[in-house]
Amino acid sequence: MGESGYGSRPDYRVDVLARRNRVTATVGGLLVADSRHGLIVDEQDHGLVVYFPPADVRLELFVRDDRTSYCPFKGQATYRRLDRAGVAVLAWSYEEPYPEVARLAGHVAFFQDVVEVRLGAADPPVSGR
């Protein structure tokens, strides 16, 4: 793994926010993840990304892809695709992220241009009553 970017950019923000909202991920109508324990990552210069606990992802539907990539603020990413021929990579995770984002360890995120990620109501719901 490469060197952490936090040494040269201590001001860089990657906020990992636990939320109690139900969040789901579907691809082509197939539910691949459903959680009330997702982590919302608000990274500087990026859009919001939901990371699902592995227990809430249907991992049996996926196979690991050979490729990896490196983020100087999160670490080495591994990738997954559906266990079907010709299916593009749909998800990634950081198995051993940097200490600043340690809560992401093993959580799975999905490419939002391929997988529909929906944020639902909080549990218990927020009420004005």
C-alpha atoms as a PDB file:
ATOM      1  CA  MET A   1       0.000   0.000   0.000  1.00  0.00           C
ATOM      2  CA  GLY A   2       1.177   3.529  -0.709  1.00  0.00           C
ATOM      3  CA  GLU A   3       1.879   6.265   1.765  1.00  0.00           C
ATOM      4  CA  SER A   4      -1.042   8.036   3.413  1.00  0.00           C
ATOM      5  CA  GLY A   5      -1.935  11.394   1.907  1.00  0.00           C
ATOM      6  CA  TYR A   6      -2.810  12.814   5.326  1.00  0.00           C
ATOM      7  CA  GLY A   7       0.860  13.596   6.001  1.00  0.00           C
ATOM      8  CA  SER A   8       1.050  16.056   3.127  1.00  0.00           C
ATOM      9  CA  ARG A   9      -2.611  17.132   3.286  1.00  0.00           C
ATOM     10  CA  PRO A  10      -3.678  17.128   6.966  1.00  0.00           C
ATOM     11  CA  ASP A  11      -6.562  19.470   6.019  1.00  0.00           C
ATOM     12  CA  TYR A  12      -8.127  16.941   3.610  1.00  0.00           C
ATOM     13  CA  ARG A  13     -11.574  15.795   4.796  1.00  0.00           C
ATOM     14  CA  VAL A  14     -13.088  12.334   4.574  1.00  0.00           C
ATOM     15  CA  ASP A  15     -16.025  12.341   6.979  1.00  0.00           C
ATOM     16  CA  VAL A  16     -17.481   8.921   7.802  1.00  0.00           C
ATOM     17  CA  LEU A  17     -21.013   9.375   9.141  1.00  0.00           C
ATOM     18  CA  ALA A  18     -23.073   6.561  10.659  1.00  0.00           C
ATOM     19  CA  ARG A  19     -26.778   6.907   9.939  1.00  0.00           C
ATOM     20  CA  ARG A  20     -29.857   4.912  10.923  1.00  0.00           C
ATOM     21  CA  ASN A  21     -31.673   5.391   7.609  1.00  0.00           C
ATOM     22  CA  ARG A  22     -32.544   2.333   5.583  1.00  0.00           C
ATOM     23  CA  VAL A  23     -30.399   2.258   2.477  1.00  0.00           C
ATOM     24  CA  THR A  24     -30.689  -0.181  -0.410  1.00  0.00           C
ATOM     25  CA  ALA A  25     -28.711  -1.011  -3.535  1.00  0.00           C
ATOM     26  CA  THR A  26     -30.250  -2.614  -6.609  1.00  0.00           C
ATOM     27  CA  VAL A  27     -28.966  -3.455 -10.061  1.00  0.00           C
ATOM     28  CA  GLY A  28     -31.429  -4.331 -12.797  1.00  0.00           C
ATOM     29  CA  GLY A  29     -34.147  -4.846 -10.179  1.00  0.00           C
ATOM     30  CA  LEU A  30     -31.981  -7.254  -8.146  1.00  0.00           C
ATOM     31  CA  LEU A  31     -31.544  -6.222  -4.503  1.00  0.00           C
ATOM     32  CA  VAL A  32     -27.832  -6.583  -3.700  1.00  0.00           C
ATOM     33  CA  ALA A  33     -27.691  -4.735  -0.361  1.00  0.00           C
ATOM     34  CA  ASP A  34     -30.136  -3.600   2.318  1.00  0.00           C
ATOM     35  CA  SER A  35     -29.037  -1.977   5.550  1.00  0.00           C
ATOM     36  CA  ARG A  36     -29.992   0.251   8.456  1.00  0.00           C
ATOM     37  CA  HIS A  37     -26.315   0.573   9.421  1.00  0.00           C
ATOM     38  CA  GLY A  38     -24.767   2.219   6.381  1.00  0.00           C
ATOM     39  CA  LEU A  39     -21.916   4.678   6.559  1.00  0.00           C
ATOM     40  CA  ILE A  40     -22.204   7.827   4.489  1.00  0.00           C
ATOM     41  CA  VAL A  41     -18.839   9.086   3.320  1.00  0.00           C
ATOM     42  CA  ASP A  42     -18.579  12.778   2.554  1.00  0.00           C
ATOM     43  CA  GLU A  43     -15.160  13.172   0.970  1.00  0.00           C
ATOM     44  CA  GLN A  44     -13.783  16.537  -0.048  1.00  0.00           C
ATOM     45  CA  ASP A  45     -14.064  17.006  -3.826  1.00  0.00           C
ATOM     46  CA  HIS A  46     -16.316  13.898  -4.199  1.00  0.00           C
ATOM     47  CA  GLY A  47     -20.022  13.124  -4.087  1.00  0.00           C
ATOM     48  CA  LEU A  48     -21.597  11.312  -1.152  1.00  0.00           C
ATOM     49  CA  VAL A  49     -21.043   7.537  -1.098  1.00  0.00           C
ATOM     50  CA  VAL A  50     -22.831   4.945   1.029  1.00  0.00           C
ATOM     51  CA  TYR A  51     -20.748   2.072   2.393  1.00  0.00           C
ATOM     52  CA  PHE A  52     -22.709  -1.024   3.453  1.00  0.00           C
ATOM     53  CA  PRO A  53     -21.639  -3.394   6.238  1.00  0.00           C
ATOM     54  CA  PRO A  54     -20.628  -6.696   4.599  1.00  0.00           C
ATOM     55  CA  ALA A  55     -23.320  -8.565   6.578  1.00  0.00           C
ATOM     56  CA  ASP A  56     -25.942  -6.465   4.756  1.00  0.00           C
ATOM     57  CA  VAL A  57     -24.584  -7.142   1.251  1.00  0.00           C
ATOM     58  CA  ARG A  58     -25.504 -10.256  -0.685  1.00  0.00           C
ATOM     59  CA  LEU A  59     -21.849 -11.180  -1.127  1.00  0.00           C
ATOM     60  CA  GLU A  60     -22.768 -14.629  -2.461  1.00  0.00           C
ATOM     61  CA  LEU A  61     -23.832 -12.863  -5.687  1.00  0.00           C
ATOM     62  CA  PHE A  62     -20.369 -11.388  -6.220  1.00  0.00           C
ATOM     63  CA  VAL A  63     -16.874 -12.486  -7.149  1.00  0.00           C
ATOM     64  CA  ARG A  64     -13.726 -10.501  -6.565  1.00  0.00           C
ATOM     65  CA  ASP A  65     -12.224  -8.814  -9.563  1.00  0.00           C
ATOM     66  CA  ASP A  66      -8.449  -8.943 -10.108  1.00  0.00           C
ATOM     67  CA  ARG A  67      -7.977  -5.196 -10.275  1.00  0.00           C
ATOM     68  CA  THR A  68      -7.155  -2.934  -7.357  1.00  0.00           C
ATOM     69  CA  SER A  69      -6.593   0.797  -6.975  1.00  0.00           C
ATOM     70  CA  TYR A  70      -5.066   3.110  -4.440  1.00  0.00           C
ATOM     71  CA  CYS A  71      -6.561   6.165  -2.729  1.00  0.00           C
ATOM     72  CA  PRO A  72      -4.100   8.260  -0.712  1.00  0.00           C
ATOM     73  CA  PHE A  73      -6.825   9.010   1.854  1.00  0.00           C
ATOM     74  CA  LYS A  74      -8.498   5.611   2.203  1.00  0.00           C
ATOM     75  CA  GLY A  75      -5.940   3.018   1.099  1.00  0.00           C
ATOM     76  CA  GLN A  76      -5.939   0.023  -1.267  1.00  0.00           C
ATOM     77  CA  ALA A  77      -9.321  -0.773  -2.826  1.00  0.00           C
ATOM     78  CA  THR A  78     -10.478  -4.172  -4.022  1.00  0.00           C
ATOM     79  CA  TYR A  79     -13.330  -4.645  -6.484  1.00  0.00           C
ATOM     80  CA  ARG A  80     -16.295  -6.974  -6.983  1.00  0.00           C
ATOM     81  CA  ARG A  81     -18.595  -7.830  -9.855  1.00  0.00           C
ATOM     82  CA  LEU A  82     -21.697  -9.977 -10.064  1.00  0.00           C
ATOM     83  CA  ASP A  83     -20.891 -13.647 -10.591  1.00  0.00           C
ATOM     84  CA  ARG A  84     -22.068 -13.552 -14.201  1.00  0.00           C
ATOM     85  CA  ALA A  85     -20.068 -13.462 -17.414  1.00  0.00           C
ATOM     86  CA  GLY A  86     -19.566 -10.018 -18.897  1.00  0.00           C
ATOM     87  CA  VAL A  87     -20.832  -8.054 -15.886  1.00  0.00           C
ATOM     88  CA  ALA A  88     -18.875  -4.891 -15.131  1.00  0.00           C
ATOM     89  CA  VAL A  89     -17.320  -4.166 -11.767  1.00  0.00           C
ATOM     90  CA  LEU A  90     -20.068  -2.843  -9.483  1.00  0.00           C
ATOM     91  CA  ALA A  91     -18.542  -2.467  -6.031  1.00  0.00           C
ATOM     92  CA  TRP A  92     -15.394  -1.726  -4.090  1.00  0.00           C
ATOM     93  CA  SER A  93     -14.142  -1.928  -0.526  1.00  0.00           C
ATOM     94  CA  TYR A  94     -11.133  -1.115   1.612  1.00  0.00           C
ATOM     95  CA  GLU A  95     -10.161  -4.154   3.653  1.00  0.00           C
ATOM     96  CA  GLU A  96      -7.395  -2.337   5.566  1.00  0.00           C
ATOM     97  CA  PRO A  97      -8.074   1.398   5.265  1.00  0.00           C
ATOM     98  CA  TYR A  98      -5.917   4.077   6.841  1.00  0.00           C
ATOM     99  CA  PRO A  99      -6.540   4.728  10.555  1.00  0.00           C
ATOM    100  CA  GLU A 100      -8.318   8.023   9.788  1.00  0.00           C
ATOM    101  CA  VAL A 101     -11.102   6.073   8.049  1.00  0.00           C
ATOM    102  CA  ALA A 102     -10.795   2.743   9.891  1.00  0.00           C
ATOM    103  CA  ARG A 103     -14.592   2.431  10.192  1.00  0.00           C
ATOM    104  CA  LEU A 104     -14.723   1.647   6.452  1.00  0.00           C
ATOM    105  CA  ALA A 105     -12.884  -1.666   6.885  1.00  0.00           C
ATOM    106  CA  GLY A 106     -14.683  -4.337   4.880  1.00  0.00           C
ATOM    107  CA  HIS A 107     -17.691  -2.134   4.067  1.00  0.00           C
ATOM    108  CA  VAL A 108     -18.883  -2.261   0.457  1.00  0.00           C
ATOM    109  CA  ALA A 109     -19.684   0.724  -1.772  1.00  0.00           C
ATOM    110  CA  PHE A 110     -21.320   0.658  -5.203  1.00  0.00           C
ATOM    111  CA  PHE A 111     -20.759   2.609  -8.407  1.00  0.00           C
ATOM    112  CA  GLN A 112     -23.793   4.877  -8.607  1.00  0.00           C
ATOM    113  CA  ASP A 113     -23.792   5.006 -12.410  1.00  0.00           C
ATOM    114  CA  VAL A 114     -24.524   1.248 -12.482  1.00  0.00           C
ATOM    115  CA  VAL A 115     -26.187   0.457  -9.144  1.00  0.00           C
ATOM    116  CA  GLU A 116     -29.167   2.375  -7.793  1.00  0.00           C
ATOM    117  CA  VAL A 117     -28.485   3.354  -4.174  1.00  0.00           C
ATOM    118  CA  ARG A 118     -31.535   4.682  -2.324  1.00  0.00           C
ATOM    119  CA  LEU A 119     -31.632   6.362   1.045  1.00  0.00           C
ATOM    120  CA  GLY A 120     -34.900   5.785   2.896  1.00  0.00           C
ATOM    121  CA  ALA A 121     -36.479   6.777   6.192  1.00  0.00           C
ATOM    122  CA  ALA A 122     -34.661   6.680   9.502  1.00  0.00           C
ATOM    123  CA  ASP A 123     -35.504   3.899  11.952  1.00  0.00           C
ATOM    124  CA  PRO A 124     -37.194   4.960  14.103  1.00  0.00           C
ATOM    125  CA  PRO A 125     -38.517   7.604  11.722  1.00  0.00           C
ATOM    126  CA  VAL A 126     -37.980  11.276  12.385  1.00  0.00           C
ATOM    127  CA  SER A 127     -41.347  12.711  13.313  1.00  0.00           C
ATOM    128  CA  GLY A 128     -42.730  16.194  13.873  1.00  0.00           C
ATOM    129  CA  ARG A 129     -45.445  14.884  16.168  1.00  0.00           C
END
